[in-house]
Amino acid sequence: WLAENDSLSPAAAHNNLGVVLEAMDSLQEAEAQYRLAVELEPNYADAWFNLGNLARKQGKRKEALEYYLRARELEGVTADVEEARAALLMELGKPQEAFKAYSNVLAVDSTAGGALIGAGDALWQQGKKIKARKYYRRYLECFGTQEAPAYLLERISRNRTSSGKN
C-alpha cells in the first residue's frame, strides 16, 4: 500500500511514512523508515535530510551533520539543508562555519528570515556586532518588528559605541 501510486517510488513512500511517524513522535519507527528509504535508494537526498533532522532532534549532532552533508552532496546547496546545517553548526559552537552556511541560504533566497537572523547571530557570536546588526536590519526591512525576536531588537538598539568588533 505504500507505493500504490505509480508516481511514488518505494523509497519515497518509506520516506513519507517516516515523516508521518516522526510527526507522531514515533522516532524509532520513523528512523527505520528513513533508513529503509536510503537502503532502497542510496541517492535519495530527502531521506538523508530527514535522517539529519531526526538525529538532531535526538541530540545526535555529529551524526546529524553527516546526514546533512550527505544530502548536500547529493542535491547540491539547497536552502533547507543549508539552514538546518547552519543551525546545527551554531549548536556545535562553530559560528564561522554557520555563517558560511547561512550565506549559502541567502545566496539562494536573499529574504530568508531564519538565515538573516542566523547570519546575524553567527557574526554576533564572533564579536562582529556591527556586521551582525546589518543582517538584523535586513530582517526588519523584510519582516517588520512584530515577527522579530526580542533579543534582535535589543541588539539593534544598543549604543553603537559599545558595539565591539566590526
N, C-alpha and C. Protein backbone atom coordinates (compact mmCIF):
# COMPACT_ATOMS: atom_id res chain seq x y z
N TRP A 1 0.81 -1.21 0.00
CA TRP A 1 0.00 0.00 0.00
C TRP A 1 0.84 1.26 0.00
N LEU A 2 2.12 1.12 0.41
CA LEU A 2 2.98 2.30 0.49
C LEU A 2 3.22 2.96 -0.86
N ALA A 3 3.28 2.15 -1.90
CA ALA A 3 3.63 2.71 -3.21
C ALA A 3 2.54 2.42 -4.24
N GLU A 4 1.27 2.45 -3.85
CA GLU A 4 0.18 2.18 -4.78
C GLU A 4 0.16 3.19 -5.92
N ASN A 5 0.46 4.42 -5.63
CA ASN A 5 0.52 5.46 -6.66
C ASN A 5 1.78 5.23 -7.48
N ASP A 6 1.61 5.03 -8.79
CA ASP A 6 2.76 4.72 -9.66
C ASP A 6 3.83 5.79 -9.65
N SER A 7 3.46 7.03 -9.36
CA SER A 7 4.44 8.11 -9.40
C SER A 7 5.29 8.17 -8.13
N LEU A 8 4.94 7.39 -7.12
CA LEU A 8 5.66 7.40 -5.85
C LEU A 8 6.54 6.16 -5.76
N SER A 9 7.85 6.36 -5.70
CA SER A 9 8.76 5.22 -5.59
C SER A 9 8.64 4.59 -4.21
N PRO A 10 9.03 3.33 -4.07
CA PRO A 10 9.02 2.71 -2.74
C PRO A 10 9.86 3.50 -1.73
N ALA A 11 10.99 4.02 -2.16
CA ALA A 11 11.83 4.81 -1.25
C ALA A 11 11.09 6.06 -0.78
N ALA A 12 10.42 6.74 -1.72
CA ALA A 12 9.66 7.94 -1.35
C ALA A 12 8.51 7.59 -0.42
N ALA A 13 7.88 6.46 -0.64
CA ALA A 13 6.79 6.04 0.23
C ALA A 13 7.30 5.81 1.65
N HIS A 14 8.44 5.14 1.79
CA HIS A 14 9.01 4.91 3.12
C HIS A 14 9.44 6.23 3.77
N ASN A 15 10.00 7.12 2.97
CA ASN A 15 10.39 8.43 3.50
C ASN A 15 9.15 9.18 4.01
N ASN A 16 8.08 9.18 3.21
CA ASN A 16 6.85 9.86 3.61
C ASN A 16 6.26 9.25 4.88
N LEU A 17 6.30 7.93 4.97
CA LEU A 17 5.81 7.27 6.18
C LEU A 17 6.66 7.68 7.37
N GLY A 18 7.97 7.80 7.16
CA GLY A 18 8.86 8.27 8.22
C GLY A 18 8.48 9.66 8.70
N VAL A 19 8.13 10.53 7.78
CA VAL A 19 7.71 11.90 8.14
C VAL A 19 6.47 11.85 9.03
N VAL A 20 5.51 11.02 8.65
CA VAL A 20 4.27 10.89 9.44
C VAL A 20 4.59 10.33 10.83
N LEU A 21 5.41 9.29 10.88
CA LEU A 21 5.76 8.68 12.17
C LEU A 21 6.53 9.66 13.05
N GLU A 22 7.42 10.44 12.45
CA GLU A 22 8.16 11.43 13.22
C GLU A 22 7.21 12.48 13.79
N ALA A 23 6.25 12.90 12.99
CA ALA A 23 5.26 13.88 13.46
C ALA A 23 4.43 13.32 14.61
N MET A 24 4.28 12.00 14.64
CA MET A 24 3.53 11.34 15.72
C MET A 24 4.44 11.02 16.91
N ASP A 25 5.69 11.45 16.82
CA ASP A 25 6.69 11.23 17.87
C ASP A 25 7.09 9.76 18.02
N SER A 26 6.92 8.99 16.96
CA SER A 26 7.38 7.60 16.92
C SER A 26 8.75 7.61 16.25
N LEU A 27 9.74 8.08 17.00
CA LEU A 27 11.05 8.38 16.41
C LEU A 27 11.80 7.15 15.93
N GLN A 28 11.77 6.07 16.69
CA GLN A 28 12.48 4.86 16.25
C GLN A 28 11.87 4.30 14.97
N GLU A 29 10.54 4.29 14.92
CA GLU A 29 9.86 3.80 13.72
C GLU A 29 10.14 4.71 12.53
N ALA A 30 10.17 6.01 12.77
CA ALA A 30 10.48 6.96 11.70
C ALA A 30 11.89 6.72 11.18
N GLU A 31 12.84 6.55 12.10
CA GLU A 31 14.22 6.30 11.68
C GLU A 31 14.31 5.04 10.83
N ALA A 32 13.59 4.00 11.22
CA ALA A 32 13.61 2.75 10.44
C ALA A 32 13.09 2.99 9.02
N GLN A 33 12.06 3.82 8.88
CA GLN A 33 11.52 4.10 7.55
C GLN A 33 12.50 4.93 6.71
N TYR A 34 13.13 5.93 7.33
CA TYR A 34 14.12 6.72 6.60
C TYR A 34 15.29 5.85 6.15
N ARG A 35 15.73 4.97 7.05
CA ARG A 35 16.85 4.09 6.70
C ARG A 35 16.47 3.14 5.57
N LEU A 36 15.25 2.65 5.61
CA LEU A 36 14.78 1.78 4.52
C LEU A 36 14.75 2.56 3.21
N ALA A 37 14.34 3.81 3.27
CA ALA A 37 14.31 4.65 2.06
C ALA A 37 15.70 4.79 1.46
N VAL A 38 16.72 5.06 2.29
CA VAL A 38 18.07 5.23 1.73
C VAL A 38 18.70 3.89 1.36
N GLU A 39 18.23 2.82 1.98
CA GLU A 39 18.69 1.49 1.58
C GLU A 39 18.16 1.16 0.18
N LEU A 40 16.90 1.49 -0.05
CA LEU A 40 16.29 1.25 -1.36
C LEU A 40 16.84 2.20 -2.43
N GLU A 41 17.11 3.42 -2.02
CA GLU A 41 17.58 4.45 -2.96
C GLU A 41 18.67 5.28 -2.28
N PRO A 42 19.92 4.82 -2.35
CA PRO A 42 21.01 5.48 -1.61
C PRO A 42 21.23 6.95 -1.96
N ASN A 43 20.78 7.39 -3.12
CA ASN A 43 20.96 8.78 -3.52
C ASN A 43 19.72 9.64 -3.27
N TYR A 44 18.88 9.20 -2.35
CA TYR A 44 17.64 9.91 -2.05
C TYR A 44 17.91 10.98 -1.00
N ALA A 45 18.18 12.19 -1.47
CA ALA A 45 18.62 13.29 -0.60
C ALA A 45 17.59 13.64 0.48
N ASP A 46 16.30 13.61 0.14
CA ASP A 46 15.28 13.97 1.13
C ASP A 46 15.32 13.06 2.34
N ALA A 47 15.54 11.77 2.12
CA ALA A 47 15.60 10.83 3.24
C ALA A 47 16.84 11.08 4.09
N TRP A 48 17.96 11.41 3.45
CA TRP A 48 19.17 11.75 4.22
C TRP A 48 18.92 13.01 5.05
N PHE A 49 18.27 13.99 4.45
CA PHE A 49 17.93 15.23 5.16
C PHE A 49 17.04 14.92 6.36
N ASN A 50 16.04 14.08 6.16
CA ASN A 50 15.14 13.73 7.26
C ASN A 50 15.87 12.95 8.35
N LEU A 51 16.81 12.09 7.96
CA LEU A 51 17.64 11.41 8.96
C LEU A 51 18.43 12.43 9.77
N GLY A 52 18.92 13.47 9.10
CA GLY A 52 19.65 14.53 9.80
C GLY A 52 18.76 15.26 10.79
N ASN A 53 17.56 15.61 10.36
CA ASN A 53 16.63 16.30 11.26
C ASN A 53 16.29 15.44 12.47
N LEU A 54 16.07 14.16 12.23
CA LEU A 54 15.73 13.25 13.31
C LEU A 54 16.90 13.08 14.28
N ALA A 55 18.10 12.90 13.73
CA ALA A 55 19.29 12.75 14.58
C ALA A 55 19.49 14.01 15.43
N ARG A 56 19.28 15.16 14.83
CA ARG A 56 19.41 16.42 15.58
C ARG A 56 18.38 16.48 16.70
N LYS A 57 17.16 16.10 16.40
CA LYS A 57 16.09 16.09 17.39
C LYS A 57 16.45 15.16 18.56
N GLN A 58 17.18 14.08 18.26
CA GLN A 58 17.57 13.10 19.27
C GLN A 58 18.87 13.48 19.98
N GLY A 59 19.45 14.62 19.62
CA GLY A 59 20.68 15.07 20.25
C GLY A 59 21.94 14.45 19.67
N LYS A 60 21.82 13.77 18.55
CA LYS A 60 22.97 13.14 17.88
C LYS A 60 23.52 14.12 16.85
N ARG A 61 24.17 15.16 17.34
CA ARG A 61 24.54 16.29 16.48
C ARG A 61 25.57 15.93 15.41
N LYS A 62 26.60 15.19 15.77
CA LYS A 62 27.62 14.86 14.77
C LYS A 62 27.04 13.96 13.69
N GLU A 63 26.20 13.04 14.10
CA GLU A 63 25.53 12.17 13.14
C GLU A 63 24.62 13.00 12.22
N ALA A 64 23.91 13.94 12.80
CA ALA A 64 23.03 14.82 12.02
C ALA A 64 23.83 15.59 10.97
N LEU A 65 24.97 16.10 11.37
CA LEU A 65 25.81 16.86 10.44
C LEU A 65 26.24 15.97 9.27
N GLU A 66 26.60 14.72 9.57
CA GLU A 66 26.98 13.79 8.50
C GLU A 66 25.83 13.57 7.52
N TYR A 67 24.62 13.43 8.04
CA TYR A 67 23.45 13.23 7.17
C TYR A 67 23.17 14.47 6.33
N TYR A 68 23.29 15.65 6.93
CA TYR A 68 23.08 16.88 6.17
C TYR A 68 24.13 17.01 5.06
N LEU A 69 25.36 16.67 5.39
CA LEU A 69 26.41 16.75 4.36
C LEU A 69 26.15 15.76 3.23
N ARG A 70 25.62 14.59 3.57
CA ARG A 70 25.29 13.60 2.54
C ARG A 70 24.17 14.14 1.65
N ALA A 71 23.15 14.74 2.25
CA ALA A 71 22.06 15.32 1.46
C ALA A 71 22.59 16.42 0.55
N ARG A 72 23.47 17.24 1.08
CA ARG A 72 24.05 18.34 0.30
C ARG A 72 24.90 17.80 -0.85
N GLU A 73 25.66 16.77 -0.57
CA GLU A 73 26.50 16.13 -1.58
C GLU A 73 25.64 15.62 -2.74
N LEU A 74 24.48 15.08 -2.43
CA LEU A 74 23.60 14.52 -3.45
C LEU A 74 22.80 15.57 -4.20
N GLU A 75 22.36 16.59 -3.49
CA GLU A 75 21.41 17.55 -4.04
C GLU A 75 22.01 18.92 -4.36
N GLY A 76 23.23 19.15 -3.90
CA GLY A 76 23.80 20.48 -4.04
C GLY A 76 23.32 21.37 -2.91
N VAL A 77 23.63 22.64 -2.99
CA VAL A 77 23.25 23.59 -1.94
C VAL A 77 21.77 23.92 -2.10
N THR A 78 21.00 23.60 -1.06
CA THR A 78 19.58 23.97 -1.02
C THR A 78 19.35 24.75 0.27
N ALA A 79 18.36 25.61 0.24
CA ALA A 79 18.08 26.44 1.41
C ALA A 79 17.74 25.60 2.64
N ASP A 80 16.92 24.57 2.47
CA ASP A 80 16.51 23.76 3.62
C ASP A 80 17.69 23.07 4.29
N VAL A 81 18.50 22.41 3.49
CA VAL A 81 19.64 21.67 4.05
C VAL A 81 20.65 22.64 4.66
N GLU A 82 20.95 23.72 3.96
CA GLU A 82 21.95 24.67 4.47
C GLU A 82 21.48 25.35 5.75
N GLU A 83 20.19 25.68 5.82
CA GLU A 83 19.70 26.34 7.04
C GLU A 83 19.73 25.38 8.23
N ALA A 84 19.37 24.13 7.99
CA ALA A 84 19.43 23.13 9.07
C ALA A 84 20.88 22.89 9.49
N ARG A 85 21.75 22.80 8.50
CA ARG A 85 23.18 22.59 8.79
C ARG A 85 23.76 23.77 9.55
N ALA A 86 23.38 24.98 9.15
CA ALA A 86 23.88 26.18 9.82
C ALA A 86 23.43 26.23 11.28
N ALA A 87 22.16 25.94 11.52
CA ALA A 87 21.64 25.94 12.89
C ALA A 87 22.37 24.91 13.73
N LEU A 88 22.64 23.76 13.15
CA LEU A 88 23.38 22.71 13.87
C LEU A 88 24.81 23.16 14.16
N LEU A 89 25.44 23.81 13.20
CA LEU A 89 26.80 24.31 13.42
C LEU A 89 26.83 25.34 14.55
N MET A 90 25.79 26.14 14.65
CA MET A 90 25.70 27.09 15.78
C MET A 90 25.61 26.32 17.09
N GLU A 91 24.80 25.26 17.12
CA GLU A 91 24.68 24.43 18.32
C GLU A 91 26.02 23.80 18.69
N LEU A 92 26.81 23.49 17.68
CA LEU A 92 28.12 22.87 17.90
C LEU A 92 29.20 23.90 18.24
N GLY A 93 28.82 25.18 18.31
CA GLY A 93 29.78 26.23 18.65
C GLY A 93 30.73 26.58 17.51
N LYS A 94 30.23 26.49 16.28
CA LYS A 94 31.05 26.79 15.10
C LYS A 94 30.42 27.94 14.30
N PRO A 95 30.43 29.15 14.87
CA PRO A 95 29.73 30.26 14.21
C PRO A 95 30.32 30.67 12.86
N GLN A 96 31.62 30.50 12.66
CA GLN A 96 32.20 30.87 11.37
C GLN A 96 31.67 29.97 10.26
N GLU A 97 31.64 28.66 10.52
CA GLU A 97 31.10 27.73 9.53
C GLU A 97 29.60 27.96 9.34
N ALA A 98 28.92 28.25 10.44
CA ALA A 98 27.48 28.51 10.37
C ALA A 98 27.20 29.73 9.51
N PHE A 99 28.01 30.79 9.68
CA PHE A 99 27.81 31.99 8.87
C PHE A 99 27.93 31.67 7.38
N LYS A 100 28.91 30.85 7.02
CA LYS A 100 29.06 30.47 5.61
C LYS A 100 27.82 29.74 5.10
N ALA A 101 27.30 28.84 5.93
CA ALA A 101 26.10 28.10 5.52
C ALA A 101 24.89 29.04 5.40
N TYR A 102 24.73 29.95 6.36
CA TYR A 102 23.64 30.92 6.26
C TYR A 102 23.81 31.79 5.01
N SER A 103 25.04 32.14 4.68
CA SER A 103 25.30 32.93 3.47
C SER A 103 24.89 32.15 2.23
N ASN A 104 25.09 30.83 2.24
CA ASN A 104 24.65 29.99 1.12
C ASN A 104 23.13 30.05 0.97
N VAL A 105 22.43 30.04 2.08
CA VAL A 105 20.96 30.15 2.04
C VAL A 105 20.57 31.49 1.44
N LEU A 106 21.22 32.56 1.90
CA LEU A 106 20.88 33.90 1.42
C LEU A 106 21.24 34.09 -0.05
N ALA A 107 22.20 33.33 -0.56
CA ALA A 107 22.52 33.39 -1.98
C ALA A 107 21.38 32.80 -2.81
N VAL A 108 20.66 31.85 -2.24
CA VAL A 108 19.51 31.23 -2.90
C VAL A 108 18.25 32.08 -2.70
N ASP A 109 18.08 32.61 -1.48
CA ASP A 109 16.90 33.41 -1.14
C ASP A 109 17.33 34.55 -0.22
N SER A 110 17.49 35.72 -0.78
CA SER A 110 18.04 36.86 -0.03
C SER A 110 17.10 37.37 1.07
N THR A 111 15.87 36.88 1.09
CA THR A 111 14.93 37.31 2.13
C THR A 111 14.55 36.18 3.09
N ALA A 112 15.37 35.15 3.17
CA ALA A 112 15.10 34.04 4.09
C ALA A 112 15.28 34.54 5.53
N GLY A 113 14.18 34.70 6.22
CA GLY A 113 14.20 35.30 7.56
C GLY A 113 15.08 34.57 8.55
N GLY A 114 14.96 33.25 8.59
CA GLY A 114 15.78 32.47 9.52
C GLY A 114 17.26 32.61 9.23
N ALA A 115 17.61 32.68 7.95
CA ALA A 115 19.01 32.82 7.58
C ALA A 115 19.54 34.22 7.90
N LEU A 116 18.70 35.24 7.74
CA LEU A 116 19.13 36.60 8.10
C LEU A 116 19.42 36.69 9.59
N ILE A 117 18.52 36.14 10.40
CA ILE A 117 18.75 36.15 11.85
C ILE A 117 19.94 35.27 12.19
N GLY A 118 20.01 34.08 11.59
CA GLY A 118 21.11 33.17 11.87
C GLY A 118 22.47 33.74 11.51
N ALA A 119 22.55 34.40 10.35
CA ALA A 119 23.81 35.02 9.95
C ALA A 119 24.20 36.10 10.94
N GLY A 120 23.23 36.90 11.36
CA GLY A 120 23.50 37.93 12.37
C GLY A 120 23.97 37.32 13.67
N ASP A 121 23.30 36.25 14.10
CA ASP A 121 23.69 35.59 15.35
C ASP A 121 25.10 35.01 15.26
N ALA A 122 25.43 34.42 14.11
CA ALA A 122 26.76 33.84 13.92
C ALA A 122 27.83 34.92 14.01
N LEU A 123 27.57 36.06 13.37
CA LEU A 123 28.52 37.18 13.45
C LEU A 123 28.59 37.73 14.87
N TRP A 124 27.46 37.84 15.53
CA TRP A 124 27.42 38.35 16.91
C TRP A 124 28.29 37.48 17.81
N GLN A 125 28.17 36.17 17.66
CA GLN A 125 28.98 35.25 18.48
C GLN A 125 30.46 35.39 18.20
N GLN A 126 30.80 35.84 17.02
CA GLN A 126 32.21 36.06 16.68
C GLN A 126 32.68 37.44 17.12
N GLY A 127 31.80 38.22 17.73
CA GLY A 127 32.15 39.56 18.17
C GLY A 127 32.04 40.61 17.08
N LYS A 128 31.48 40.25 15.94
CA LYS A 128 31.33 41.18 14.81
C LYS A 128 29.94 41.81 14.86
N LYS A 129 29.76 42.66 15.86
CA LYS A 129 28.43 43.16 16.17
C LYS A 129 27.90 44.15 15.14
N ILE A 130 28.75 44.97 14.58
CA ILE A 130 28.29 45.94 13.57
C ILE A 130 27.78 45.19 12.34
N LYS A 131 28.54 44.19 11.89
CA LYS A 131 28.11 43.39 10.74
C LYS A 131 26.84 42.62 11.07
N ALA A 132 26.75 42.11 12.29
CA ALA A 132 25.56 41.37 12.72
C ALA A 132 24.33 42.25 12.62
N ARG A 133 24.46 43.48 13.07
CA ARG A 133 23.31 44.40 13.06
C ARG A 133 22.80 44.65 11.64
N LYS A 134 23.70 44.60 10.65
CA LYS A 134 23.27 44.79 9.26
C LYS A 134 22.30 43.68 8.85
N TYR A 135 22.59 42.45 9.26
CA TYR A 135 21.69 41.34 8.95
C TYR A 135 20.37 41.47 9.70
N TYR A 136 20.47 41.88 10.95
CA TYR A 136 19.25 42.09 11.74
C TYR A 136 18.37 43.17 11.10
N ARG A 137 19.00 44.25 10.63
CA ARG A 137 18.23 45.33 9.99
C ARG A 137 17.58 44.84 8.69
N ARG A 138 18.32 44.03 7.94
CA ARG A 138 17.73 43.47 6.71
C ARG A 138 16.51 42.63 7.04
N TYR A 139 16.61 41.88 8.14
CA TYR A 139 15.46 41.09 8.57
C TYR A 139 14.26 42.01 8.85
N LEU A 140 14.50 43.07 9.60
CA LEU A 140 13.42 44.00 9.95
C LEU A 140 12.84 44.67 8.71
N GLU A 141 13.69 44.98 7.73
CA GLU A 141 13.19 45.57 6.48
C GLU A 141 12.24 44.62 5.77
N CYS A 142 12.55 43.33 5.84
CA CYS A 142 11.72 42.33 5.15
C CYS A 142 10.47 41.95 5.93
N PHE A 143 10.58 41.88 7.25
CA PHE A 143 9.51 41.28 8.04
C PHE A 143 8.91 42.18 9.12
N GLY A 144 9.51 43.31 9.39
CA GLY A 144 9.00 44.21 10.41
C GLY A 144 9.34 43.75 11.82
N THR A 145 8.91 44.54 12.79
CA THR A 145 9.28 44.25 14.18
C THR A 145 8.37 43.24 14.86
N GLN A 146 7.15 43.04 14.36
CA GLN A 146 6.23 42.12 15.03
C GLN A 146 6.76 40.69 15.10
N GLU A 147 7.45 40.26 14.06
CA GLU A 147 7.94 38.88 14.00
C GLU A 147 9.35 38.74 14.58
N ALA A 148 9.98 39.83 14.91
CA ALA A 148 11.38 39.81 15.34
C ALA A 148 11.52 39.29 16.77
N PRO A 149 12.52 38.44 17.00
CA PRO A 149 12.81 38.02 18.38
C PRO A 149 13.22 39.23 19.22
N ALA A 150 12.87 39.23 20.48
CA ALA A 150 13.15 40.37 21.37
C ALA A 150 14.65 40.69 21.42
N TYR A 151 15.49 39.66 21.47
CA TYR A 151 16.93 39.92 21.57
C TYR A 151 17.45 40.66 20.35
N LEU A 152 16.86 40.40 19.19
CA LEU A 152 17.29 41.08 17.97
C LEU A 152 17.05 42.58 18.08
N LEU A 153 15.87 42.94 18.55
CA LEU A 153 15.55 44.36 18.71
C LEU A 153 16.48 45.01 19.74
N GLU A 154 16.78 44.28 20.79
CA GLU A 154 17.68 44.79 21.82
C GLU A 154 19.08 45.01 21.26
N ARG A 155 19.56 44.05 20.47
CA ARG A 155 20.90 44.17 19.91
C ARG A 155 21.00 45.35 18.94
N ILE A 156 19.96 45.59 18.18
CA ILE A 156 19.98 46.71 17.23
C ILE A 156 19.96 48.04 17.96
N SER A 157 19.23 48.11 19.05
CA SER A 157 19.06 49.38 19.75
C SER A 157 20.21 49.72 20.70
N ARG A 158 21.12 48.79 20.93
CA ARG A 158 22.24 49.08 21.84
C ARG A 158 23.09 50.22 21.30
N ASN A 159 23.73 50.90 22.21
CA ASN A 159 24.60 52.03 21.87
C ASN A 159 25.72 51.55 20.95
N ARG A 160 25.88 52.21 19.84
CA ARG A 160 26.91 51.82 18.87
C ARG A 160 28.33 51.96 19.40
N THR A 161 28.54 52.79 20.38
CA THR A 161 29.90 52.97 20.90
C THR A 161 30.37 51.74 21.66
N SER A 162 29.45 50.90 22.10
CA SER A 162 29.84 49.68 22.80
C SER A 162 29.63 48.46 21.93
N SER A 163 29.72 48.65 20.62
CA SER A 163 29.35 47.60 19.68
C SER A 163 30.41 46.52 19.51
N GLY A 164 31.61 46.73 19.95
CA GLY A 164 32.64 45.70 19.78
C GLY A 164 33.23 45.72 18.40
N LYS A 165 33.75 44.56 17.97
CA LYS A 165 34.39 44.44 16.66
C LYS A 165 33.39 44.67 15.55
N ASN A 166 33.91 45.05 14.41
CA ASN A 166 33.02 45.19 13.26
C ASN A 166 33.14 43.97 12.42
